Structure formats: C-alpha cells, structure tokens
Amino acid sequence: MYRKGDRVVYPHHGAAVIQDVVELEMFGKRTSYLKLGLPGQRLTIMVPIASAADVGIRGVASRRKAGEVLALLREDAGWMPTLWNQRFKANREKIVSGDIDRLAEVIRDLSISDRKRRLATGEQRLLAKAREILLSELMVALDSTEEAVQVMLDEALADQASPRSPAGSRVLPRPLERHGDDAGVVSVLGG
C-alpha cells in the first residue's frame, strides 16, 4: 500500500514524500500514520493511514495525465457561481478534493476571471494556493524544475486566452537533464 519514499499528493499542500510509516499510541489506541515531508518546506504532516483516502491523498499524476491537465488549462472557462462567497466556497472545495482536474479548473477559471476583472483578495490567494499545489505535482510528474513548470502553466493559460492554437495542441517537453545547481531539485522529491 504506502511505503517510505513513495511520492504522493496531499490536497492542502501538494506533492509530498512519505518519509516513514509509523505507529503511535494516542488515548490508549495504536494507530498507523503516514509521515509526509513537503519538499522545500520545513513541514511534516502526520496522516492516519485509515483516513488517507478520505483526506484525498493519492499518487502523483502520470506524465500523460500532466499533459491532459495542461490541455485542460487551455480550455474555455467552466460555469462558476456569480456570487463571490459561493464561487469562493465552490473553488475551495475543488482544491481540497484532491482531484487534479478540479484543481486545474480552479486555476483556469480564476485566471480567466482575473484577466476580465481583477479578482478579490481572497480569490487571488485561492488562485495562488491552487497554482502552488499544481506546480508541486507537475514538477514531480514531469521530472522538471519549478521554473520550467511555471513557464508551462503560464503558456497553457496564455494559449487559452489566445485564439492562435487549438486546445491541447502542445507536446510536453522531455524531462530536463540535470546539471550543476539544478541537480538536487528533483532528488528532494525522491526522484
């Protein structure tokens, strides 16, 4: 099932590495936990294995799925509630669902809304958090650097705004070769 070194996604923070599977006793009951480490952050998360699926922990997307997500970012916006508080709640629920497609929809839809009319501060933060989560997963899925994935996200969103190319027409780049200072970027993620 879950093993030390597995790369997973924790919906609230993005890509993580299982540092260990530990048993802890709390209130007289022994429970097995996943000890998750978030690359580039000094944060460790303990999740009971029994509730891992309930909180949305899943494996990192495949390279093919990453391509599908980038294509989804190029599509037209989906329906969103017109009232700010309902839209915020719906988008937050999509983010914490753990579903990469729903996460990409939030980024796409809020980015399109932001181009039309500047987002409210709460939605700007929601968009930034959604991008951070997706970015961390795509870095692992594509075996790429943060900068390269940032460019891919920006290009996909720019393609959506531009009629010059059909949705999904781009081919994913090959994984970047690691040299010099770049060499440790992915190794932190367990790759």
C-alpha atoms as a PDB file:
ATOM      1  CA  MET A   1       0.000   0.000   0.000  1.00  0.00           C
ATOM      2  CA  TYR A   2       2.025   3.025   1.213  1.00  0.00           C
ATOM      3  CA  ARG A   3       5.798   2.766   1.522  1.00  0.00           C
ATOM      4  CA  LYS A   4       8.599   5.002   2.651  1.00  0.00           C
ATOM      5  CA  GLY A   5       9.827   7.049  -0.311  1.00  0.00           C
ATOM      6  CA  ASP A   6       6.521   6.986  -2.219  1.00  0.00           C
ATOM      7  CA  ARG A   7       5.580  10.301  -3.799  1.00  0.00           C
ATOM      8  CA  VAL A   8       2.012  11.337  -3.107  1.00  0.00           C
ATOM      9  CA  VAL A   9      -0.179  14.417  -3.241  1.00  0.00           C
ATOM     10  CA  TYR A  10      -1.670  15.910  -0.096  1.00  0.00           C
ATOM     11  CA  PRO A  11      -4.503  18.163  -1.359  1.00  0.00           C
ATOM     12  CA  HIS A  12      -3.877  21.033   1.039  1.00  0.00           C
ATOM     13  CA  HIS A  13      -0.166  21.368   0.239  1.00  0.00           C
ATOM     14  CA  GLY A  14       0.722  19.495  -2.959  1.00  0.00           C
ATOM     15  CA  ALA A  15       3.401  16.908  -3.681  1.00  0.00           C
ATOM     16  CA  ALA A  16       4.903  15.143  -0.681  1.00  0.00           C
ATOM     17  CA  VAL A  17       7.214  12.251   0.052  1.00  0.00           C
ATOM     18  CA  ILE A  18       6.326   9.546   2.558  1.00  0.00           C
ATOM     19  CA  GLN A  19       9.217   9.849   4.986  1.00  0.00           C
ATOM     20  CA  ASP A  20       8.045   6.972   7.115  1.00  0.00           C
ATOM     21  CA  VAL A  21       5.098   4.847   8.166  1.00  0.00           C
ATOM     22  CA  VAL A  22       4.881   4.991  11.952  1.00  0.00           C
ATOM     23  CA  GLU A  23       2.676   3.635  14.713  1.00  0.00           C
ATOM     24  CA  LEU A  24       1.726   5.985  17.514  1.00  0.00           C
ATOM     25  CA  GLU A  25      -0.337   5.417  20.609  1.00  0.00           C
ATOM     26  CA  MET A  26      -2.939   8.069  21.336  1.00  0.00           C
ATOM     27  CA  PHE A  27      -5.599   7.778  24.002  1.00  0.00           C
ATOM     28  CA  GLY A  28      -4.705   4.134  24.513  1.00  0.00           C
ATOM     29  CA  LYS A  29      -5.126   3.209  20.870  1.00  0.00           C
ATOM     30  CA  ARG A  30      -2.321   2.380  18.422  1.00  0.00           C
ATOM     31  CA  THR A  31      -2.724   3.940  15.006  1.00  0.00           C
ATOM     32  CA  SER A  32      -0.555   3.786  11.884  1.00  0.00           C
ATOM     33  CA  TYR A  33       0.355   7.128  10.335  1.00  0.00           C
ATOM     34  CA  LEU A  34       1.974   8.349   7.144  1.00  0.00           C
ATOM     35  CA  LYS A  35       4.702  10.840   7.933  1.00  0.00           C
ATOM     36  CA  LEU A  36       4.729  13.203   4.942  1.00  0.00           C
ATOM     37  CA  GLY A  37       7.525  15.599   4.132  1.00  0.00           C
ATOM     38  CA  LEU A  38       6.898  18.515   1.817  1.00  0.00           C
ATOM     39  CA  PRO A  39       9.869  19.299  -0.428  1.00  0.00           C
ATOM     40  CA  GLY A  40      11.271  22.756   0.057  1.00  0.00           C
ATOM     41  CA  GLN A  41       9.295  23.285   3.248  1.00  0.00           C
ATOM     42  CA  ARG A  42      10.010  22.581   6.881  1.00  0.00           C
ATOM     43  CA  LEU A  43       6.656  20.985   7.377  1.00  0.00           C
ATOM     44  CA  THR A  44       5.868  17.422   8.343  1.00  0.00           C
ATOM     45  CA  ILE A  45       2.320  16.153   8.185  1.00  0.00           C
ATOM     46  CA  MET A  46       1.051  13.071  10.008  1.00  0.00           C
ATOM     47  CA  VAL A  47      -1.982  11.429   8.424  1.00  0.00           C
ATOM     48  CA  PRO A  48      -3.665   8.310   9.805  1.00  0.00           C
ATOM     49  CA  ILE A  49      -3.414   5.614   7.125  1.00  0.00           C
ATOM     50  CA  ALA A  50      -7.045   4.668   7.726  1.00  0.00           C
ATOM     51  CA  SER A  51      -8.185   8.144   6.658  1.00  0.00           C
ATOM     52  CA  ALA A  52      -5.600   8.824   3.930  1.00  0.00           C
ATOM     53  CA  ALA A  53      -8.119   8.285   1.112  1.00  0.00           C
ATOM     54  CA  ASP A  54     -10.731  10.382   2.921  1.00  0.00           C
ATOM     55  CA  VAL A  55      -8.407  13.403   3.047  1.00  0.00           C
ATOM     56  CA  GLY A  56      -7.583  12.933  -0.635  1.00  0.00           C
ATOM     57  CA  ILE A  57      -4.065  11.503  -0.512  1.00  0.00           C
ATOM     58  CA  ARG A  58      -3.266   9.918  -3.862  1.00  0.00           C
ATOM     59  CA  GLY A  59      -0.327   9.067  -6.060  1.00  0.00           C
ATOM     60  CA  VAL A  60       1.308  11.745  -8.186  1.00  0.00           C
ATOM     61  CA  ALA A  61      -0.175  12.128 -11.671  1.00  0.00           C
ATOM     62  CA  SER A  62       1.474  10.353 -14.580  1.00  0.00           C
ATOM     63  CA  ARG A  63       3.285  12.272 -17.308  1.00  0.00           C
ATOM     64  CA  ARG A  64       0.318  11.619 -19.604  1.00  0.00           C
ATOM     65  CA  LYS A  65      -2.138  12.970 -17.030  1.00  0.00           C
ATOM     66  CA  ALA A  66       0.056  16.052 -16.599  1.00  0.00           C
ATOM     67  CA  GLY A  67      -0.317  16.681 -20.337  1.00  0.00           C
ATOM     68  CA  GLU A  68      -4.090  16.331 -20.049  1.00  0.00           C
ATOM     69  CA  VAL A  69      -4.102  18.846 -17.198  1.00  0.00           C
ATOM     70  CA  LEU A  70      -2.094  21.350 -19.239  1.00  0.00           C
ATOM     71  CA  ALA A  71      -4.615  20.875 -22.070  1.00  0.00           C
ATOM     72  CA  LEU A  72      -7.468  21.474 -19.612  1.00  0.00           C
ATOM     73  CA  LEU A  73      -5.878  24.822 -18.703  1.00  0.00           C
ATOM     74  CA  ARG A  74      -6.214  25.842 -22.377  1.00  0.00           C
ATOM     75  CA  GLU A  75      -9.981  25.221 -22.459  1.00  0.00           C
ATOM     76  CA  ASP A  76     -12.711  27.810 -22.023  1.00  0.00           C
ATOM     77  CA  ALA A  77     -13.876  28.631 -18.524  1.00  0.00           C
ATOM     78  CA  GLY A  78     -16.461  26.426 -16.892  1.00  0.00           C
ATOM     79  CA  TRP A  79     -19.534  27.610 -15.046  1.00  0.00           C
ATOM     80  CA  MET A  80     -18.944  29.418 -11.768  1.00  0.00           C
ATOM     81  CA  PRO A  81     -21.447  30.922  -9.325  1.00  0.00           C
ATOM     82  CA  THR A  82     -21.846  34.681  -9.735  1.00  0.00           C
ATOM     83  CA  LEU A  83     -21.898  35.452  -6.005  1.00  0.00           C
ATOM     84  CA  TRP A  84     -18.373  35.832  -4.638  1.00  0.00           C
ATOM     85  CA  ASN A  85     -18.903  33.780  -1.463  1.00  0.00           C
ATOM     86  CA  GLN A  86     -20.495  30.865  -3.359  1.00  0.00           C
ATOM     87  CA  ARG A  87     -17.735  30.937  -6.000  1.00  0.00           C
ATOM     88  CA  PHE A  88     -15.046  31.021  -3.302  1.00  0.00           C
ATOM     89  CA  LYS A  89     -16.614  28.073  -1.467  1.00  0.00           C
ATOM     90  CA  ALA A  90     -17.019  26.025  -4.669  1.00  0.00           C
ATOM     91  CA  ASN A  91     -13.417  26.664  -5.708  1.00  0.00           C
ATOM     92  CA  ARG A  92     -12.057  25.865  -2.251  1.00  0.00           C
ATOM     93  CA  GLU A  93     -13.965  22.566  -2.284  1.00  0.00           C
ATOM     94  CA  LYS A  94     -12.448  21.726  -5.680  1.00  0.00           C
ATOM     95  CA  ILE A  95      -8.950  22.397  -4.344  1.00  0.00           C
ATOM     96  CA  VAL A  96      -9.296  20.234  -1.233  1.00  0.00           C
ATOM     97  CA  SER A  97     -10.975  17.423  -3.190  1.00  0.00           C
ATOM     98  CA  GLY A  98      -7.529  16.225  -4.234  1.00  0.00           C
ATOM     99  CA  ASP A  99      -8.666  15.842  -7.858  1.00  0.00           C
ATOM    100  CA  ILE A 100      -6.028  17.281 -10.198  1.00  0.00           C
ATOM    101  CA  ASP A 101      -8.598  18.099 -12.905  1.00  0.00           C
ATOM    102  CA  ARG A 102     -10.750  20.065 -10.476  1.00  0.00           C
ATOM    103  CA  LEU A 103      -7.640  21.862  -9.227  1.00  0.00           C
ATOM    104  CA  ALA A 104      -6.739  22.822 -12.805  1.00  0.00           C
ATOM    105  CA  GLU A 105     -10.303  24.050 -13.382  1.00  0.00           C
ATOM    106  CA  VAL A 106      -9.938  26.444 -10.448  1.00  0.00           C
ATOM    107  CA  ILE A 107      -6.692  27.814 -11.872  1.00  0.00           C
ATOM    108  CA  ARG A 108      -8.129  28.137 -15.374  1.00  0.00           C
ATOM    109  CA  ASP A 109     -11.404  29.723 -14.305  1.00  0.00           C
ATOM    110  CA  LEU A 110      -9.908  32.164 -11.806  1.00  0.00           C
ATOM    111  CA  SER A 111      -7.152  33.130 -14.258  1.00  0.00           C
ATOM    112  CA  ILE A 112      -9.756  33.900 -16.920  1.00  0.00           C
ATOM    113  CA  SER A 113     -11.825  35.889 -14.406  1.00  0.00           C
ATOM    114  CA  ASP A 114      -8.720  37.794 -13.319  1.00  0.00           C
ATOM    115  CA  ARG A 115      -7.985  38.814 -16.918  1.00  0.00           C
ATOM    116  CA  LYS A 116     -11.531  40.152 -17.277  1.00  0.00           C
ATOM    117  CA  ARG A 117     -11.708  41.886 -13.901  1.00  0.00           C
ATOM    118  CA  ARG A 118      -9.173  41.868 -11.078  1.00  0.00           C
ATOM    119  CA  LEU A 119     -10.004  39.162  -8.534  1.00  0.00           C
ATOM    120  CA  ALA A 120     -10.864  39.990  -4.950  1.00  0.00           C
ATOM    121  CA  THR A 121      -8.034  39.437  -2.469  1.00  0.00           C
ATOM    122  CA  GLY A 122      -9.478  36.144  -1.180  1.00  0.00           C
ATOM    123  CA  GLU A 123      -9.737  34.737  -4.698  1.00  0.00           C
ATOM    124  CA  GLN A 124      -6.224  35.949  -5.543  1.00  0.00           C
ATOM    125  CA  ARG A 125      -4.927  33.966  -2.553  1.00  0.00           C
ATOM    126  CA  LEU A 126      -7.009  30.946  -3.578  1.00  0.00           C
ATOM    127  CA  LEU A 127      -5.579  31.116  -7.110  1.00  0.00           C
ATOM    128  CA  ALA A 128      -2.023  31.427  -5.772  1.00  0.00           C
ATOM    129  CA  LYS A 129      -2.522  28.417  -3.469  1.00  0.00           C
ATOM    130  CA  ALA A 130      -4.046  26.324  -6.266  1.00  0.00           C
ATOM    131  CA  ARG A 131      -1.107  27.172  -8.561  1.00  0.00           C
ATOM    132  CA  GLU A 132       1.370  26.263  -5.809  1.00  0.00           C
ATOM    133  CA  ILE A 133      -0.275  22.861  -5.299  1.00  0.00           C
ATOM    134  CA  LEU A 134      -0.474  22.079  -9.024  1.00  0.00           C
ATOM    135  CA  LEU A 135       3.059  23.330  -9.614  1.00  0.00           C
ATOM    136  CA  SER A 136       4.472  20.986  -6.967  1.00  0.00           C
ATOM    137  CA  GLU A 137       2.722  17.979  -8.503  1.00  0.00           C
ATOM    138  CA  LEU A 138       3.653  18.786 -12.089  1.00  0.00           C
ATOM    139  CA  MET A 139       7.305  19.230 -11.072  1.00  0.00           C
ATOM    140  CA  VAL A 140       7.296  15.625  -9.874  1.00  0.00           C
ATOM    141  CA  ALA A 141       5.113  14.237 -12.672  1.00  0.00           C
ATOM    142  CA  LEU A 142       7.226  15.847 -15.405  1.00  0.00           C
ATOM    143  CA  ASP A 143      10.565  15.487 -13.601  1.00  0.00           C
ATOM    144  CA  SER A 144      11.150  19.182 -14.147  1.00  0.00           C
ATOM    145  CA  THR A 145      12.181  22.332 -12.329  1.00  0.00           C
ATOM    146  CA  GLU A 146       9.861  24.854 -10.740  1.00  0.00           C
ATOM    147  CA  GLU A 147      10.847  27.468 -13.310  1.00  0.00           C
ATOM    148  CA  ALA A 148      10.157  25.187 -16.286  1.00  0.00           C
ATOM    149  CA  VAL A 149       6.764  24.104 -14.945  1.00  0.00           C
ATOM    150  CA  GLN A 150       5.888  27.727 -14.138  1.00  0.00           C
ATOM    151  CA  VAL A 151       6.526  28.545 -17.813  1.00  0.00           C
ATOM    152  CA  MET A 152       4.365  25.598 -18.936  1.00  0.00           C
ATOM    153  CA  LEU A 153       1.489  26.772 -16.730  1.00  0.00           C
ATOM    154  CA  ASP A 154       1.797  30.352 -17.955  1.00  0.00           C
ATOM    155  CA  GLU A 155       1.956  29.240 -21.598  1.00  0.00           C
ATOM    156  CA  ALA A 156      -1.088  26.980 -21.206  1.00  0.00           C
ATOM    157  CA  LEU A 157      -3.080  29.819 -19.654  1.00  0.00           C
ATOM    158  CA  ALA A 158      -1.852  32.244 -22.325  1.00  0.00           C
ATOM    159  CA  ASP A 159      -2.855  29.754 -25.046  1.00  0.00           C
ATOM    160  CA  GLN A 160      -6.317  29.658 -23.527  1.00  0.00           C
ATOM    161  CA  ALA A 161      -6.564  33.418 -23.835  1.00  0.00           C
ATOM    162  CA  SER A 162      -5.301  33.392 -27.415  1.00  0.00           C
ATOM    163  CA  PRO A 163      -7.197  32.015 -30.427  1.00  0.00           C
ATOM    164  CA  ARG A 164      -3.913  31.138 -32.189  1.00  0.00           C
ATOM    165  CA  SER A 165      -3.729  27.460 -31.190  1.00  0.00           C
ATOM    166  CA  PRO A 166      -6.292  24.722 -30.604  1.00  0.00           C
ATOM    167  CA  ALA A 167      -6.615  23.380 -27.065  1.00  0.00           C
ATOM    168  CA  GLY A 168      -4.164  20.649 -26.227  1.00  0.00           C
ATOM    169  CA  SER A 169      -2.010  21.156 -29.321  1.00  0.00           C
ATOM    170  CA  ARG A 170       1.316  21.366 -27.496  1.00  0.00           C
ATOM    171  CA  VAL A 171       3.577  18.421 -26.865  1.00  0.00           C
ATOM    172  CA  LEU A 172       5.133  18.061 -23.432  1.00  0.00           C
ATOM    173  CA  PRO A 173       8.858  18.673 -23.262  1.00  0.00           C
ATOM    174  CA  ARG A 174      11.188  15.836 -22.339  1.00  0.00           C
ATOM    175  CA  PRO A 175      12.371  15.722 -18.728  1.00  0.00           C
ATOM    176  CA  LEU A 176      15.133  18.225 -18.174  1.00  0.00           C
ATOM    177  CA  GLU A 177      18.679  16.997 -17.869  1.00  0.00           C
ATOM    178  CA  ARG A 178      20.219  17.876 -14.543  1.00  0.00           C
ATOM    179  CA  HIS A 179      23.490  19.768 -14.424  1.00  0.00           C
ATOM    180  CA  GLY A 180      25.258  21.766 -11.730  1.00  0.00           C
ATOM    181  CA  ASP A 181      22.944  23.654  -9.361  1.00  0.00           C
ATOM    182  CA  ASP A 182      19.845  22.033 -10.880  1.00  0.00           C
ATOM    183  CA  ALA A 183      20.990  18.525  -9.908  1.00  0.00           C
ATOM    184  CA  GLY A 184      19.338  18.424  -6.482  1.00  0.00           C
ATOM    185  CA  VAL A 185      15.946  19.852  -7.350  1.00  0.00           C
ATOM    186  CA  VAL A 186      14.161  16.577  -8.045  1.00  0.00           C
ATOM    187  CA  SER A 187      16.216  14.435  -5.699  1.00  0.00           C
ATOM    188  CA  VAL A 188      14.485  16.235  -2.826  1.00  0.00           C
ATOM    189  CA  LEU A 189      11.236  14.789  -4.175  1.00  0.00           C
ATOM    190  CA  GLY A 190      12.603  11.294  -4.141  1.00  0.00           C
ATOM    191  CA  GLY A 191      13.346  11.072  -7.874  1.00  0.00           C
END
